[in-house]
Amino acid sequence: SAETVVLPRATSFTSASIDWQFSEMYCDTALLTAAASTFGWWTAYVSKGQQVYYNSVYGKEDRFGDHLDPHEFFPHSWTSLELDISNNIVIRPRRVRG
């Protein structure tokens, strides 16, 4: 049978800790849409599962792209994703180790 999980009502003081604990206990897969977010990165890192997908574009202007080596920032087991807007699809590029 399915397990029921009841979360306490979130406030501005508790929502981050609830998100963190929920991810650690229940998330088998993490989708990191804000790849430059340190909170998101650590939440994905401590998640129960080992499947983590991250957005390889760090922002509209991609200010971090010139300064951030994804091979040093993201664990090798994580999978990068890119959005092909012209075809409206998500692609998983091959990972080249530097």
N, C-alpha and C. Protein backbone atom coordinates (compact mmCIF):
# COMPACT_ATOMS: atom_id res chain seq x y z
N SER A 1 0.83 -1.18 0.00
CA SER A 1 0.00 0.00 0.00
C SER A 1 0.88 1.24 0.00
N ALA A 2 0.33 2.35 -0.45
CA ALA A 2 1.07 3.60 -0.55
C ALA A 2 1.28 4.21 0.82
N GLU A 3 2.42 4.85 0.99
CA GLU A 3 2.73 5.53 2.24
C GLU A 3 2.21 6.96 2.16
N THR A 4 1.57 7.42 3.21
CA THR A 4 1.09 8.79 3.28
C THR A 4 2.11 9.64 4.01
N VAL A 5 2.50 10.73 3.40
CA VAL A 5 3.47 11.64 3.99
C VAL A 5 2.75 12.94 4.28
N VAL A 6 2.76 13.36 5.54
CA VAL A 6 2.13 14.61 5.94
C VAL A 6 3.23 15.61 6.27
N LEU A 7 3.22 16.73 5.57
CA LEU A 7 4.21 17.77 5.81
C LEU A 7 3.61 18.85 6.68
N PRO A 8 4.40 19.40 7.61
CA PRO A 8 3.89 20.51 8.41
C PRO A 8 3.69 21.74 7.52
N ARG A 9 2.83 22.62 7.95
CA ARG A 9 2.58 23.85 7.19
C ARG A 9 3.87 24.66 7.14
N ALA A 10 4.26 25.01 5.94
CA ALA A 10 5.52 25.73 5.75
C ALA A 10 5.36 27.21 6.06
N THR A 11 6.37 27.76 6.70
CA THR A 11 6.47 29.20 6.90
C THR A 11 7.77 29.64 6.25
N SER A 12 8.01 30.91 6.21
CA SER A 12 9.26 31.37 5.61
C SER A 12 10.47 30.84 6.36
N PHE A 13 10.30 30.50 7.64
CA PHE A 13 11.42 30.00 8.43
C PHE A 13 11.61 28.49 8.29
N THR A 14 10.56 27.78 7.96
CA THR A 14 10.67 26.32 7.93
C THR A 14 10.68 25.72 6.54
N SER A 15 10.29 26.46 5.52
CA SER A 15 10.14 25.85 4.20
C SER A 15 11.44 25.28 3.65
N ALA A 16 12.56 25.95 3.84
CA ALA A 16 13.84 25.44 3.34
C ALA A 16 14.22 24.14 4.04
N SER A 17 14.06 24.09 5.35
CA SER A 17 14.42 22.87 6.07
C SER A 17 13.48 21.73 5.73
N ILE A 18 12.21 22.03 5.48
CA ILE A 18 11.26 20.99 5.09
C ILE A 18 11.63 20.45 3.71
N ASP A 19 11.93 21.34 2.77
CA ASP A 19 12.35 20.91 1.43
C ASP A 19 13.57 20.01 1.52
N TRP A 20 14.54 20.42 2.32
CA TRP A 20 15.79 19.66 2.46
C TRP A 20 15.50 18.27 3.01
N GLN A 21 14.77 18.20 4.11
CA GLN A 21 14.48 16.92 4.75
C GLN A 21 13.62 16.03 3.86
N PHE A 22 12.65 16.60 3.18
CA PHE A 22 11.80 15.82 2.28
C PHE A 22 12.63 15.20 1.16
N SER A 23 13.53 15.98 0.58
CA SER A 23 14.39 15.48 -0.49
C SER A 23 15.28 14.34 0.01
N GLU A 24 15.84 14.53 1.18
CA GLU A 24 16.73 13.53 1.75
C GLU A 24 16.01 12.22 2.02
N MET A 25 14.76 12.29 2.42
CA MET A 25 14.02 11.09 2.81
C MET A 25 13.26 10.42 1.66
N TYR A 26 12.75 11.20 0.71
CA TYR A 26 11.78 10.65 -0.23
C TYR A 26 12.14 10.77 -1.71
N CYS A 27 13.05 11.62 -2.10
CA CYS A 27 13.29 11.85 -3.53
C CYS A 27 14.26 10.83 -4.12
N ASP A 28 13.74 10.03 -5.04
CA ASP A 28 14.58 9.06 -5.74
C ASP A 28 15.31 9.70 -6.91
N THR A 29 14.72 10.73 -7.48
CA THR A 29 15.28 11.44 -8.62
C THR A 29 15.14 12.94 -8.37
N ALA A 30 16.18 13.69 -8.75
CA ALA A 30 16.13 15.14 -8.59
C ALA A 30 16.32 15.81 -9.94
N LEU A 31 15.53 16.84 -10.19
CA LEU A 31 15.65 17.66 -11.39
C LEU A 31 16.03 19.06 -10.94
N LEU A 32 17.27 19.43 -11.19
CA LEU A 32 17.81 20.71 -10.75
C LEU A 32 17.65 21.72 -11.89
N THR A 33 16.58 22.52 -11.83
CA THR A 33 16.29 23.46 -12.91
C THR A 33 17.11 24.74 -12.79
N ALA A 34 17.49 25.11 -11.60
CA ALA A 34 18.35 26.28 -11.38
C ALA A 34 19.73 25.77 -11.00
N ALA A 35 20.51 25.42 -12.00
CA ALA A 35 21.77 24.72 -11.78
C ALA A 35 22.78 25.53 -10.97
N ALA A 36 22.68 26.85 -10.99
CA ALA A 36 23.62 27.67 -10.23
C ALA A 36 23.17 27.92 -8.80
N SER A 37 22.04 27.34 -8.41
CA SER A 37 21.52 27.50 -7.05
C SER A 37 22.25 26.56 -6.09
N THR A 38 22.92 27.13 -5.10
CA THR A 38 23.63 26.26 -4.16
C THR A 38 22.66 25.47 -3.30
N PHE A 39 21.51 26.06 -2.94
CA PHE A 39 20.52 25.31 -2.16
C PHE A 39 20.01 24.13 -2.98
N GLY A 40 19.68 24.38 -4.24
CA GLY A 40 19.22 23.30 -5.11
C GLY A 40 20.27 22.23 -5.29
N TRP A 41 21.54 22.64 -5.46
CA TRP A 41 22.64 21.69 -5.65
C TRP A 41 22.75 20.77 -4.44
N TRP A 42 22.78 21.34 -3.24
CA TRP A 42 22.91 20.52 -2.04
C TRP A 42 21.67 19.67 -1.79
N THR A 43 20.49 20.19 -2.11
CA THR A 43 19.27 19.40 -1.96
C THR A 43 19.34 18.18 -2.86
N ALA A 44 19.79 18.36 -4.10
CA ALA A 44 19.94 17.22 -5.01
C ALA A 44 21.03 16.27 -4.50
N TYR A 45 22.11 16.82 -3.96
CA TYR A 45 23.23 16.01 -3.50
C TYR A 45 22.84 15.09 -2.34
N VAL A 46 22.00 15.58 -1.43
CA VAL A 46 21.62 14.75 -0.28
C VAL A 46 20.36 13.93 -0.54
N SER A 47 19.78 14.06 -1.73
CA SER A 47 18.55 13.31 -2.01
C SER A 47 18.81 11.82 -1.91
N LYS A 48 17.76 11.10 -1.61
CA LYS A 48 17.83 9.66 -1.39
C LYS A 48 18.34 8.92 -2.62
N GLY A 49 17.92 9.33 -3.78
CA GLY A 49 18.28 8.65 -5.01
C GLY A 49 19.59 9.14 -5.59
N GLN A 50 20.07 8.42 -6.56
CA GLN A 50 21.31 8.81 -7.20
C GLN A 50 21.09 9.36 -8.60
N GLN A 51 19.85 9.47 -9.03
CA GLN A 51 19.56 10.04 -10.35
C GLN A 51 19.32 11.53 -10.20
N VAL A 52 20.26 12.31 -10.70
CA VAL A 52 20.13 13.76 -10.65
C VAL A 52 20.34 14.31 -12.05
N TYR A 53 19.40 15.13 -12.49
CA TYR A 53 19.47 15.79 -13.79
C TYR A 53 19.54 17.29 -13.54
N TYR A 54 20.41 17.98 -14.30
CA TYR A 54 20.54 19.42 -14.08
C TYR A 54 20.50 20.17 -15.41
N ASN A 55 20.00 21.39 -15.34
CA ASN A 55 19.92 22.28 -16.49
C ASN A 55 21.33 22.79 -16.79
N SER A 56 21.82 22.55 -17.99
CA SER A 56 23.19 22.95 -18.31
C SER A 56 23.31 24.43 -18.66
N VAL A 57 22.18 25.14 -18.74
CA VAL A 57 22.21 26.60 -18.96
C VAL A 57 21.98 27.24 -17.60
N TYR A 58 22.90 28.09 -17.18
CA TYR A 58 22.88 28.62 -15.82
C TYR A 58 22.07 29.90 -15.67
N GLY A 59 21.68 30.52 -16.75
CA GLY A 59 20.87 31.73 -16.68
C GLY A 59 20.62 32.27 -18.08
N LYS A 60 19.77 33.27 -18.17
CA LYS A 60 19.45 33.84 -19.48
C LYS A 60 20.69 34.37 -20.18
N GLU A 61 21.54 35.02 -19.43
CA GLU A 61 22.77 35.56 -20.01
C GLU A 61 23.93 34.58 -19.85
N ASP A 62 23.72 33.51 -19.13
CA ASP A 62 24.74 32.48 -18.88
C ASP A 62 26.06 33.09 -18.40
N ARG A 63 25.95 33.96 -17.39
CA ARG A 63 27.13 34.62 -16.83
C ARG A 63 28.11 33.64 -16.23
N PHE A 64 27.61 32.49 -15.77
CA PHE A 64 28.48 31.52 -15.12
C PHE A 64 29.20 30.64 -16.12
N GLY A 65 28.71 30.55 -17.34
CA GLY A 65 29.26 29.64 -18.34
C GLY A 65 30.75 29.82 -18.56
N ASP A 66 31.23 31.05 -18.53
CA ASP A 66 32.65 31.31 -18.75
C ASP A 66 33.50 31.02 -17.52
N HIS A 67 32.89 30.96 -16.36
CA HIS A 67 33.64 30.83 -15.12
C HIS A 67 33.44 29.49 -14.42
N LEU A 68 32.47 28.73 -14.86
CA LEU A 68 32.11 27.50 -14.17
C LEU A 68 32.38 26.30 -15.06
N ASP A 69 33.27 25.43 -14.61
CA ASP A 69 33.54 24.19 -15.33
C ASP A 69 32.60 23.13 -14.78
N PRO A 70 31.60 22.70 -15.56
CA PRO A 70 30.62 21.74 -15.05
C PRO A 70 31.24 20.44 -14.57
N HIS A 71 32.40 20.08 -15.12
CA HIS A 71 33.06 18.84 -14.70
C HIS A 71 33.61 18.93 -13.29
N GLU A 72 33.84 20.15 -12.81
CA GLU A 72 34.31 20.35 -11.45
C GLU A 72 33.18 20.67 -10.48
N PHE A 73 32.07 21.18 -11.00
CA PHE A 73 30.97 21.62 -10.15
C PHE A 73 29.94 20.53 -9.89
N PHE A 74 29.66 19.71 -10.90
CA PHE A 74 28.64 18.66 -10.79
C PHE A 74 29.30 17.29 -10.69
N PRO A 75 28.81 16.43 -9.80
CA PRO A 75 29.33 15.06 -9.74
C PRO A 75 29.18 14.37 -11.10
N HIS A 76 30.12 13.50 -11.43
CA HIS A 76 30.12 12.84 -12.74
C HIS A 76 28.90 11.96 -12.95
N SER A 77 28.26 11.52 -11.89
CA SER A 77 27.08 10.66 -12.03
C SER A 77 25.82 11.46 -12.39
N TRP A 78 25.87 12.79 -12.27
CA TRP A 78 24.71 13.62 -12.61
C TRP A 78 24.65 13.80 -14.12
N THR A 79 23.45 14.00 -14.65
CA THR A 79 23.22 14.11 -16.08
C THR A 79 22.78 15.52 -16.45
N SER A 80 23.48 16.13 -17.41
CA SER A 80 23.09 17.47 -17.84
C SER A 80 21.98 17.38 -18.89
N LEU A 81 21.12 18.38 -18.90
CA LEU A 81 20.03 18.47 -19.86
C LEU A 81 20.05 19.85 -20.51
N GLU A 82 19.64 19.91 -21.76
CA GLU A 82 19.52 21.18 -22.47
C GLU A 82 18.15 21.25 -23.12
N LEU A 83 17.61 22.45 -23.20
CA LEU A 83 16.33 22.67 -23.86
C LEU A 83 16.58 23.18 -25.26
N ASP A 84 16.07 22.46 -26.24
CA ASP A 84 16.11 22.90 -27.63
C ASP A 84 14.79 23.62 -27.89
N ILE A 85 14.81 24.95 -27.76
CA ILE A 85 13.59 25.74 -27.86
C ILE A 85 12.96 25.65 -29.24
N SER A 86 13.78 25.60 -30.28
CA SER A 86 13.23 25.58 -31.64
C SER A 86 12.40 24.33 -31.90
N ASN A 87 12.77 23.21 -31.28
CA ASN A 87 12.02 21.96 -31.47
C ASN A 87 11.18 21.60 -30.25
N ASN A 88 11.28 22.42 -29.20
CA ASN A 88 10.54 22.20 -27.96
C ASN A 88 10.80 20.81 -27.36
N ILE A 89 12.08 20.44 -27.30
CA ILE A 89 12.46 19.15 -26.73
C ILE A 89 13.62 19.34 -25.76
N VAL A 90 13.76 18.40 -24.86
CA VAL A 90 14.90 18.37 -23.94
C VAL A 90 15.88 17.33 -24.45
N ILE A 91 17.15 17.71 -24.53
CA ILE A 91 18.16 16.78 -25.00
C ILE A 91 19.18 16.52 -23.90
N ARG A 92 19.78 15.35 -23.97
CA ARG A 92 20.82 14.99 -23.01
C ARG A 92 22.13 14.89 -23.79
N PRO A 93 22.96 15.93 -23.72
CA PRO A 93 24.22 15.90 -24.47
C PRO A 93 25.18 14.89 -23.90
N ARG A 94 26.10 14.44 -24.74
CA ARG A 94 27.12 13.51 -24.27
C ARG A 94 28.07 14.26 -23.35
N ARG A 95 28.47 13.60 -22.31
CA ARG A 95 29.37 14.24 -21.35
C ARG A 95 30.81 13.95 -21.76
N VAL A 96 31.56 15.00 -21.97
CA VAL A 96 32.96 14.87 -22.33
C VAL A 96 33.78 15.24 -21.11
N ARG A 97 34.59 14.34 -20.67
CA ARG A 97 35.41 14.61 -19.48
C ARG A 97 36.64 15.42 -19.86
N GLY A 98 36.87 16.47 -19.08
CA GLY A 98 37.98 17.37 -19.37
C GLY A 98 39.23 17.04 -18.61
